[in-house]
């Protein structure tokens, strides 16, 4: 292992990152589903906004999974694994547009908290690479939650 972080800390951080990966992937799927299914007078704006958001989440899952691998641990994959690890419930079909927006805002707030937990563990272990990645995730999720809350106001 080329990292200066000890094995016990790497395992703990990889576990926290696995939860962040599951939250991010679940939120990605919800956002993409809402992109496909949104209707009503807000359709054009929400359809475009949801697409921007799910593309960002799609790219983030790769970065998170690669960091888990860099720490020497397998990245969880698959719906069963994510279902066990995620703090975010799967999406619901048939939501009204503003309910989609509120649901996604809550999901981003949850993911931000999960990312904060990663930051805390990474900083404790002096794992600056993971702390940096997770800090960026906090920033993205908090900004996205704010934009969604502003849309639903």
C-alpha atoms as a PDB file:
ATOM      1  CA  UNK A   1       0.000   0.000   0.000  1.00  0.00           C
ATOM      2  CA  UNK A   2       1.388   3.377  -0.944  1.00  0.00           C
ATOM      3  CA  UNK A   3      -0.778   5.348   1.443  1.00  0.00           C
ATOM      4  CA  UNK A   4       0.531   6.432   4.837  1.00  0.00           C
ATOM      5  CA  UNK A   5      -2.858   5.697   6.415  1.00  0.00           C
ATOM      6  CA  UNK A   6      -2.799   2.573   8.591  1.00  0.00           C
ATOM      7  CA  UNK A   7      -4.852  -0.477   7.600  1.00  0.00           C
ATOM      8  CA  UNK A   8      -7.448  -0.153  10.369  1.00  0.00           C
ATOM      9  CA  UNK A   9      -8.122   3.461   9.419  1.00  0.00           C
ATOM     10  CA  UNK A  10      -8.240   2.572   5.712  1.00  0.00           C
ATOM     11  CA  UNK A  11     -10.883  -0.063   6.447  1.00  0.00           C
ATOM     12  CA  UNK A  12     -12.992   2.396   8.473  1.00  0.00           C
ATOM     13  CA  UNK A  13     -12.682   5.092   5.826  1.00  0.00           C
ATOM     14  CA  UNK A  14     -13.503   2.637   3.038  1.00  0.00           C
ATOM     15  CA  UNK A  15     -16.644   1.667   4.970  1.00  0.00           C
ATOM     16  CA  UNK A  16     -17.689   5.301   5.303  1.00  0.00           C
ATOM     17  CA  UNK A  17     -16.940   5.894   1.612  1.00  0.00           C
ATOM     18  CA  UNK A  18     -19.021   2.812   0.767  1.00  0.00           C
ATOM     19  CA  UNK A  19     -21.996   4.418   2.514  1.00  0.00           C
ATOM     20  CA  UNK A  20     -21.357   7.641   0.591  1.00  0.00           C
ATOM     21  CA  UNK A  21     -21.125   5.662  -2.645  1.00  0.00           C
ATOM     22  CA  UNK A  22     -24.460   3.976  -1.898  1.00  0.00           C
ATOM     23  CA  UNK A  23     -26.127   7.295  -1.051  1.00  0.00           C
ATOM     24  CA  UNK A  24     -24.719   8.897  -4.190  1.00  0.00           C
ATOM     25  CA  UNK A  25     -25.775   6.029  -6.448  1.00  0.00           C
ATOM     26  CA  UNK A  26     -29.265   5.911  -4.946  1.00  0.00           C
ATOM     27  CA  UNK A  27     -29.608   9.658  -5.397  1.00  0.00           C
ATOM     28  CA  UNK A  28     -28.333   9.325  -8.975  1.00  0.00           C
ATOM     29  CA  UNK A  29     -31.045   6.769  -9.767  1.00  0.00           C
ATOM     30  CA  UNK A  30     -33.769   8.872  -8.129  1.00  0.00           C
ATOM     31  CA  UNK A  31     -32.675  11.983  -9.993  1.00  0.00           C
ATOM     32  CA  UNK A  32     -32.534  10.220 -13.334  1.00  0.00           C
ATOM     33  CA  UNK A  33     -35.956   8.683 -12.727  1.00  0.00           C
ATOM     34  CA  UNK A  34     -37.386  12.082 -11.865  1.00  0.00           C
ATOM     35  CA  UNK A  35     -35.769  13.490 -15.022  1.00  0.00           C
ATOM     36  CA  UNK A  36     -37.640  10.896 -17.065  1.00  0.00           C
ATOM     37  CA  UNK A  37     -40.963  11.229 -15.254  1.00  0.00           C
ATOM     38  CA  UNK A  38     -41.405  14.891 -14.365  1.00  0.00           C
ATOM     39  CA  UNK A  39     -44.506  16.509 -15.869  1.00  0.00           C
ATOM     40  CA  UNK A  40     -46.398  19.764 -15.616  1.00  0.00           C
ATOM     41  CA  UNK A  41     -45.731  23.431 -16.248  1.00  0.00           C
ATOM     42  CA  UNK A  42     -42.265  23.239 -14.655  1.00  0.00           C
ATOM     43  CA  UNK A  43     -41.237  20.377 -16.963  1.00  0.00           C
ATOM     44  CA  UNK A  44     -38.648  22.155 -19.150  1.00  0.00           C
ATOM     45  CA  UNK A  45     -36.693  23.663 -16.271  1.00  0.00           C
ATOM     46  CA  UNK A  46     -36.886  20.624 -13.990  1.00  0.00           C
ATOM     47  CA  UNK A  47     -36.085  18.183 -16.785  1.00  0.00           C
ATOM     48  CA  UNK A  48     -32.907  20.117 -17.605  1.00  0.00           C
ATOM     49  CA  UNK A  49     -31.949  20.671 -13.949  1.00  0.00           C
ATOM     50  CA  UNK A  50     -32.416  17.000 -13.062  1.00  0.00           C
ATOM     51  CA  UNK A  51     -30.254  15.999 -16.044  1.00  0.00           C
ATOM     52  CA  UNK A  52     -27.416  18.263 -14.912  1.00  0.00           C
ATOM     53  CA  UNK A  53     -27.706  16.833 -11.408  1.00  0.00           C
ATOM     54  CA  UNK A  54     -27.771  13.162 -12.381  1.00  0.00           C
ATOM     55  CA  UNK A  55     -24.757  13.584 -14.661  1.00  0.00           C
ATOM     56  CA  UNK A  56     -22.813  15.139 -11.770  1.00  0.00           C
ATOM     57  CA  UNK A  57     -23.843  12.245  -9.496  1.00  0.00           C
ATOM     58  CA  UNK A  58     -22.905   9.685 -12.177  1.00  0.00           C
ATOM     59  CA  UNK A  59     -19.416  11.121 -12.347  1.00  0.00           C
ATOM     60  CA  UNK A  60     -19.134  11.276  -8.550  1.00  0.00           C
ATOM     61  CA  UNK A  61     -19.811   7.574  -8.041  1.00  0.00           C
ATOM     62  CA  UNK A  62     -16.733   6.745 -10.089  1.00  0.00           C
ATOM     63  CA  UNK A  63     -14.508   9.054  -8.030  1.00  0.00           C
ATOM     64  CA  UNK A  64     -15.800   7.637  -4.752  1.00  0.00           C
ATOM     65  CA  UNK A  65     -15.421   4.016  -5.889  1.00  0.00           C
ATOM     66  CA  UNK A  66     -11.891   4.670  -7.134  1.00  0.00           C
ATOM     67  CA  UNK A  67     -10.932   6.170  -3.768  1.00  0.00           C
ATOM     68  CA  UNK A  68     -12.215   3.055  -2.008  1.00  0.00           C
ATOM     69  CA  UNK A  69     -10.036   0.972  -4.329  1.00  0.00           C
ATOM     70  CA  UNK A  70      -7.034   3.254  -3.723  1.00  0.00           C
ATOM     71  CA  UNK A  71      -7.428   2.512  -0.018  1.00  0.00           C
ATOM     72  CA  UNK A  72      -7.105  -1.193  -0.851  1.00  0.00           C
ATOM     73  CA  UNK A  73     -10.722  -2.243  -0.408  1.00  0.00           C
ATOM     74  CA  UNK A  74     -13.378  -3.474  -2.839  1.00  0.00           C
ATOM     75  CA  UNK A  75     -16.031  -0.964  -3.835  1.00  0.00           C
ATOM     76  CA  UNK A  76     -19.566  -2.222  -3.234  1.00  0.00           C
ATOM     77  CA  UNK A  77     -21.647  -2.691  -6.353  1.00  0.00           C
ATOM     78  CA  UNK A  78     -25.207  -3.656  -7.105  1.00  0.00           C
ATOM     79  CA  UNK A  79     -28.662  -2.787  -5.875  1.00  0.00           C
ATOM     80  CA  UNK A  80     -28.569  -5.254  -2.973  1.00  0.00           C
ATOM     81  CA  UNK A  81     -25.328  -3.811  -1.602  1.00  0.00           C
ATOM     82  CA  UNK A  82     -26.471  -0.228  -2.066  1.00  0.00           C
ATOM     83  CA  UNK A  83     -29.831  -0.982  -0.476  1.00  0.00           C
ATOM     84  CA  UNK A  84     -28.072  -2.198   2.664  1.00  0.00           C
ATOM     85  CA  UNK A  85     -25.640   0.729   2.803  1.00  0.00           C
ATOM     86  CA  UNK A  86     -27.692   3.730   1.683  1.00  0.00           C
ATOM     87  CA  UNK A  87     -29.357   6.205   4.038  1.00  0.00           C
ATOM     88  CA  UNK A  88     -31.581   7.351   1.176  1.00  0.00           C
ATOM     89  CA  UNK A  89     -34.781   5.528   0.250  1.00  0.00           C
ATOM     90  CA  UNK A  90     -35.373   4.481  -3.333  1.00  0.00           C
ATOM     91  CA  UNK A  91     -37.399   6.802  -5.521  1.00  0.00           C
ATOM     92  CA  UNK A  92     -41.165   6.675  -5.726  1.00  0.00           C
ATOM     93  CA  UNK A  93     -43.041   6.580  -8.999  1.00  0.00           C
ATOM     94  CA  UNK A  94     -45.823   9.043  -9.621  1.00  0.00           C
ATOM     95  CA  UNK A  95     -44.655  11.978  -7.519  1.00  0.00           C
ATOM     96  CA  UNK A  96     -45.793  15.450  -8.488  1.00  0.00           C
ATOM     97  CA  UNK A  97     -43.022  17.754  -9.730  1.00  0.00           C
ATOM     98  CA  UNK A  98     -42.618  19.754  -6.510  1.00  0.00           C
ATOM     99  CA  UNK A  99     -42.682  16.559  -4.435  1.00  0.00           C
ATOM    100  CA  UNK A 100     -39.816  15.284  -6.597  1.00  0.00           C
ATOM    101  CA  UNK A 101     -37.911  18.483  -5.911  1.00  0.00           C
ATOM    102  CA  UNK A 102     -38.484  18.254  -2.144  1.00  0.00           C
ATOM    103  CA  UNK A 103     -37.569  14.558  -2.089  1.00  0.00           C
ATOM    104  CA  UNK A 104     -34.323  15.194  -3.974  1.00  0.00           C
ATOM    105  CA  UNK A 105     -33.474  18.115  -1.668  1.00  0.00           C
ATOM    106  CA  UNK A 106     -33.861  15.814   1.339  1.00  0.00           C
ATOM    107  CA  UNK A 107     -31.695  13.212  -0.385  1.00  0.00           C
ATOM    108  CA  UNK A 108     -28.925  15.737  -0.980  1.00  0.00           C
ATOM    109  CA  UNK A 109     -29.095  16.853   2.638  1.00  0.00           C
ATOM    110  CA  UNK A 110     -28.702  13.225   3.720  1.00  0.00           C
ATOM    111  CA  UNK A 111     -25.796  12.671   1.340  1.00  0.00           C
ATOM    112  CA  UNK A 112     -24.115  15.829   2.646  1.00  0.00           C
ATOM    113  CA  UNK A 113     -24.290  14.434   6.180  1.00  0.00           C
ATOM    114  CA  UNK A 114     -22.856  11.114   5.017  1.00  0.00           C
ATOM    115  CA  UNK A 115     -20.023  12.998   3.317  1.00  0.00           C
ATOM    116  CA  UNK A 116     -19.402  15.007   6.517  1.00  0.00           C
ATOM    117  CA  UNK A 117     -18.987  11.695   8.366  1.00  0.00           C
ATOM    118  CA  UNK A 118     -16.378  10.671   5.789  1.00  0.00           C
ATOM    119  CA  UNK A 119     -14.535  13.976   6.262  1.00  0.00           C
ATOM    120  CA  UNK A 120     -14.436  13.499  10.039  1.00  0.00           C
ATOM    121  CA  UNK A 121     -12.996   9.984   9.795  1.00  0.00           C
ATOM    122  CA  UNK A 122     -10.522  10.913   7.075  1.00  0.00           C
ATOM    123  CA  UNK A 123      -9.242  13.938   8.983  1.00  0.00           C
ATOM    124  CA  UNK A 124      -8.820  11.843  12.133  1.00  0.00           C
ATOM    125  CA  UNK A 125      -6.627   9.431  10.136  1.00  0.00           C
ATOM    126  CA  UNK A 126      -4.782  12.248   8.315  1.00  0.00           C
ATOM    127  CA  UNK A 127      -6.151  10.976   4.983  1.00  0.00           C
ATOM    128  CA  UNK A 128      -6.169  14.288   3.161  1.00  0.00           C
ATOM    129  CA  UNK A 129      -7.089  12.823  -0.229  1.00  0.00           C
ATOM    130  CA  UNK A 130     -10.296  11.295   1.095  1.00  0.00           C
ATOM    131  CA  UNK A 131     -11.061  14.377   3.204  1.00  0.00           C
ATOM    132  CA  UNK A 132     -10.702  16.533   0.079  1.00  0.00           C
ATOM    133  CA  UNK A 133     -12.977  14.296  -1.999  1.00  0.00           C
ATOM    134  CA  UNK A 134     -15.628  14.174   0.732  1.00  0.00           C
ATOM    135  CA  UNK A 135     -15.428  17.926   1.388  1.00  0.00           C
ATOM    136  CA  UNK A 136     -16.163  18.506  -2.288  1.00  0.00           C
ATOM    137  CA  UNK A 137     -19.142  16.163  -1.997  1.00  0.00           C
ATOM    138  CA  UNK A 138     -20.467  18.124   1.005  1.00  0.00           C
ATOM    139  CA  UNK A 139     -20.195  21.330  -1.013  1.00  0.00           C
ATOM    140  CA  UNK A 140     -21.970  19.861  -4.052  1.00  0.00           C
ATOM    141  CA  UNK A 141     -24.784  18.272  -2.041  1.00  0.00           C
ATOM    142  CA  UNK A 142     -25.393  21.375   0.075  1.00  0.00           C
ATOM    143  CA  UNK A 143     -25.489  23.643  -2.979  1.00  0.00           C
ATOM    144  CA  UNK A 144     -27.799  21.276  -4.850  1.00  0.00           C
ATOM    145  CA  UNK A 145     -30.112  20.971  -1.825  1.00  0.00           C
ATOM    146  CA  UNK A 146     -30.246  24.766  -1.602  1.00  0.00           C
ATOM    147  CA  UNK A 147     -31.125  25.091  -5.304  1.00  0.00           C
ATOM    148  CA  UNK A 148     -33.832  22.450  -4.992  1.00  0.00           C
ATOM    149  CA  UNK A 149     -35.297  24.058  -1.846  1.00  0.00           C
ATOM    150  CA  UNK A 150     -35.317  27.427  -3.632  1.00  0.00           C
ATOM    151  CA  UNK A 151     -37.146  25.834  -6.566  1.00  0.00           C
ATOM    152  CA  UNK A 152     -39.823  24.363  -4.294  1.00  0.00           C
ATOM    153  CA  UNK A 153     -40.342  27.565  -2.289  1.00  0.00           C
END
